[in-house]
Amino acid sequence: MVGPDGAVYLQVSLLDQVFDYEPCGIGSLSYNSTLSLWKVSPGGSLAVLPLKTFNFDGPGAGAPRPPYALPAETIPDGADGVLAAWTSVDGLTGAQEPRMIRFGPAGLTEYSLPLNSWANPAESLVLGENGTAFATDLFQVLSFDLATGGVNWTWQPPQGPLEMIMVTAGNGRVASGFNP
């Protein structure tokens, strides 16, 4: 995503995993998963902002997979910052929780949104007006407050999945139904 400042913003998820084998395969596991926001300025310099880190150190044999982050969409927040959508994945159960981090002049704010998942990592968010944004998981659209993550309202289509196309003046939405 190219921000209003001309910089390119993208999320990067890095995994560093070391398994130290011992006789009989017991060993130990050291695991670090970091989700970062990379900002490449118009002049080419790179700034890396760690958004979320998961660590695990323990026995390797039979150890559950630690939690990790999956990057999703990044969009401008309309106030000199960015919204970074991502998914927190429980390594043991596979349960997923859609999360949002807003990075702006006031720092980082993180919150969860009541969605099943992100519809498509590149087509789930639309910026609205007056500190509002919209998100979808294909089966519902929700309006939320950018500062707090508080949900203003949700809407479900009468049938089938939908995709958001854009927001119109006054926070109106244009959405389209489709058959996946």
Protein backbone atom coordinates (compact mmCIF):
# COMPACT_ATOMS: atom_id res chain seq x y z
CA MET A 1 0.00 0.00 0.00
CA VAL A 2 1.26 3.48 -0.84
CA GLY A 3 0.46 5.90 1.98
CA PRO A 4 -0.37 9.60 1.77
CA ASP A 5 3.28 10.33 2.65
CA GLY A 6 4.43 8.50 -0.52
CA ALA A 7 5.93 5.63 1.50
CA VAL A 8 5.16 2.00 0.75
CA TYR A 9 3.78 0.02 3.70
CA LEU A 10 3.64 -3.77 3.83
CA GLN A 11 3.30 -6.42 6.49
CA VAL A 12 5.95 -9.12 6.76
CA SER A 13 5.74 -12.23 8.93
CA LEU A 14 9.07 -13.84 9.84
CA LEU A 15 9.52 -17.21 11.54
CA ASP A 16 12.72 -18.29 13.27
CA GLN A 17 12.58 -21.85 14.55
CA VAL A 18 15.47 -23.85 16.01
CA PHE A 19 15.12 -27.50 17.03
CA ASP A 20 18.08 -28.87 18.97
CA TYR A 21 18.11 -32.66 18.54
CA GLU A 22 19.42 -34.92 21.26
CA PRO A 23 19.64 -38.69 21.26
CA CYS A 24 16.15 -40.20 21.10
CA GLY A 25 14.82 -37.03 19.39
CA ILE A 26 13.71 -35.27 22.57
CA GLY A 27 15.69 -32.04 22.22
CA SER A 28 14.40 -28.51 22.65
CA LEU A 29 12.53 -26.01 20.52
CA SER A 30 13.12 -22.28 20.28
CA TYR A 31 10.51 -20.41 18.25
CA ASN A 32 10.05 -16.74 17.38
CA SER A 33 7.33 -15.48 15.04
CA THR A 34 7.26 -11.72 14.37
CA LEU A 35 4.74 -9.71 12.37
CA SER A 36 6.22 -6.37 11.28
CA LEU A 37 5.11 -3.35 9.33
CA TRP A 38 7.76 -2.31 6.82
CA LYS A 39 7.83 1.30 5.67
CA VAL A 40 9.89 2.06 2.57
CA SER A 41 10.23 5.83 2.22
CA PRO A 42 10.21 7.56 -1.19
CA GLY A 43 14.01 7.95 -0.80
CA GLY A 44 14.43 4.19 -0.37
CA SER A 45 15.17 3.94 3.35
CA LEU A 46 13.54 1.11 5.30
CA ALA A 47 11.94 1.35 8.75
CA VAL A 48 10.76 -1.86 10.42
CA LEU A 49 8.10 -1.65 13.14
CA PRO A 50 7.44 -4.93 15.00
CA LEU A 51 3.67 -5.27 15.48
CA LYS A 52 3.32 -8.64 17.23
CA THR A 53 5.77 -11.27 18.46
CA PHE A 54 5.14 -14.80 19.64
CA ASN A 55 7.93 -16.69 21.45
CA PHE A 56 8.27 -20.24 22.72
CA ASP A 57 11.17 -22.06 24.36
CA GLY A 58 10.67 -25.57 25.64
CA PRO A 59 10.88 -29.28 24.97
CA GLY A 60 10.84 -30.20 21.31
CA ALA A 61 9.28 -33.65 21.45
CA GLY A 62 5.51 -33.42 21.43
CA ALA A 63 5.48 -29.65 21.88
CA PRO A 64 2.42 -27.98 20.40
CA ARG A 65 2.95 -25.54 17.59
CA PRO A 66 3.14 -22.07 19.14
CA PRO A 67 0.76 -19.29 18.07
CA TYR A 68 1.66 -17.21 15.03
CA ALA A 69 0.46 -14.23 12.99
CA LEU A 70 -0.77 -14.17 9.39
CA PRO A 71 -0.61 -10.76 7.67
CA ALA A 72 -3.70 -9.46 5.89
CA GLU A 73 -4.55 -6.07 4.40
CA THR A 74 -2.90 -2.71 5.13
CA ILE A 75 -4.71 0.54 4.29
CA PRO A 76 -4.33 4.25 5.20
CA ASP A 77 -6.33 5.30 8.26
CA GLY A 78 -7.17 8.78 6.94
CA ALA A 79 -5.19 10.48 9.73
CA ASP A 80 -1.49 10.06 8.82
CA GLY A 81 -1.41 6.43 9.93
CA VAL A 82 -2.18 2.94 8.69
CA LEU A 83 -4.48 0.07 9.60
CA ALA A 84 -2.82 -3.34 9.56
CA ALA A 85 -5.24 -6.28 9.57
CA TRP A 86 -3.83 -9.64 10.61
CA THR A 87 -4.91 -12.98 12.01
CA SER A 88 -3.78 -14.51 15.29
CA VAL A 89 -3.62 -18.29 14.85
CA ASP A 90 -3.58 -20.71 17.79
CA GLY A 91 -0.91 -23.23 16.86
CA LEU A 92 -2.54 -26.04 18.83
CA THR A 93 -6.19 -25.75 17.74
CA GLY A 94 -5.85 -23.74 14.52
CA ALA A 95 -8.46 -21.27 15.83
CA GLN A 96 -8.17 -17.89 14.11
CA GLU A 97 -8.92 -14.42 15.47
CA PRO A 98 -9.02 -11.43 13.11
CA ARG A 99 -7.04 -8.59 14.68
CA MET A 100 -6.32 -4.97 13.77
CA ILE A 101 -3.41 -2.71 14.63
CA ARG A 102 -3.68 1.00 13.99
CA PHE A 103 -0.30 2.69 13.74
CA GLY A 104 -0.34 6.46 13.74
CA PRO A 105 1.12 9.58 15.29
CA ALA A 106 -0.25 8.54 18.72
CA GLY A 107 1.45 5.11 18.54
CA LEU A 108 -0.04 1.61 18.28
CA THR A 109 -3.58 0.57 19.14
CA GLU A 110 -4.56 -3.10 18.83
CA TYR A 111 -8.03 -4.63 18.90
CA SER A 112 -10.02 -7.67 17.84
CA LEU A 113 -12.93 -7.55 15.41
CA PRO A 114 -15.91 -9.96 15.62
CA LEU A 115 -15.35 -11.60 12.23
CA ASN A 116 -14.84 -15.26 11.39
CA SER A 117 -11.75 -14.46 9.31
CA TRP A 118 -10.57 -11.90 6.79
CA ALA A 119 -12.50 -12.31 3.51
CA ASN A 120 -9.45 -11.96 1.36
CA PRO A 121 -6.21 -10.62 2.76
CA ALA A 122 -6.25 -7.88 0.12
CA GLU A 123 -9.97 -6.99 -0.03
CA SER A 124 -11.38 -6.96 3.50
CA LEU A 125 -11.14 -3.29 4.55
CA VAL A 126 -12.54 0.01 3.32
CA LEU A 127 -11.89 3.37 4.98
CA GLY A 128 -14.99 5.45 5.72
CA GLU A 129 -15.49 8.97 7.04
CA ASN A 130 -15.19 10.52 10.51
CA GLY A 131 -12.98 7.85 12.07
CA THR A 132 -14.94 4.90 10.71
CA ALA A 133 -13.84 1.89 8.68
CA PHE A 134 -15.63 -1.18 7.33
CA ALA A 135 -14.54 -4.82 7.30
CA THR A 136 -15.97 -8.02 5.87
CA ASP A 137 -15.48 -11.77 6.20
CA LEU A 138 -17.68 -12.42 3.10
CA PHE A 139 -20.77 -13.17 5.21
CA GLN A 140 -21.14 -9.92 7.14
CA VAL A 141 -20.04 -6.32 6.97
CA LEU A 142 -19.25 -4.40 10.10
CA SER A 143 -18.63 -0.73 10.74
CA PHE A 144 -16.06 0.03 13.44
CA ASP A 145 -14.46 2.98 15.18
CA LEU A 146 -10.82 3.40 14.13
CA ALA A 147 -9.67 4.67 17.53
CA THR A 148 -11.14 1.90 19.71
CA GLY A 149 -12.21 -0.95 17.43
CA GLY A 150 -15.72 -0.61 18.85
CA VAL A 151 -18.35 -1.97 16.47
CA ASN A 152 -20.91 0.60 15.30
CA TRP A 153 -23.11 -1.93 13.50
CA THR A 154 -23.07 -5.21 11.55
CA TRP A 155 -25.06 -6.34 8.53
CA GLN A 156 -25.56 -9.74 6.93
CA PRO A 157 -26.89 -10.18 3.40
CA PRO A 158 -30.07 -12.25 3.04
CA GLN A 159 -28.18 -14.87 1.07
CA GLY A 160 -24.74 -15.76 -0.18
CA PRO A 161 -21.34 -14.18 0.26
CA LEU A 162 -20.58 -10.56 -0.57
CA GLU A 163 -17.64 -8.35 -1.32
CA MET A 164 -17.25 -4.70 -0.43
CA ILE A 165 -16.44 -2.43 -3.31
CA MET A 166 -16.31 1.07 -1.83
CA VAL A 167 -17.72 3.56 0.64
CA THR A 168 -19.79 6.50 -0.59
CA ALA A 169 -20.37 9.94 0.97
CA GLY A 170 -21.96 9.75 4.42
CA ASN A 171 -20.46 6.29 5.07
CA GLY A 172 -22.74 4.55 2.59
CA ARG A 173 -21.44 1.23 1.26
CA VAL A 174 -21.42 -0.45 -2.10
CA ALA A 175 -21.28 -4.23 -1.87
CA SER A 176 -21.86 -6.99 -4.39
CA GLY A 177 -23.03 -10.56 -3.95
CA PHE A 178 -21.16 -13.31 -5.76
CA ASN A 179 -20.84 -17.06 -6.06
CA PRO A 180 -17.36 -18.20 -4.98
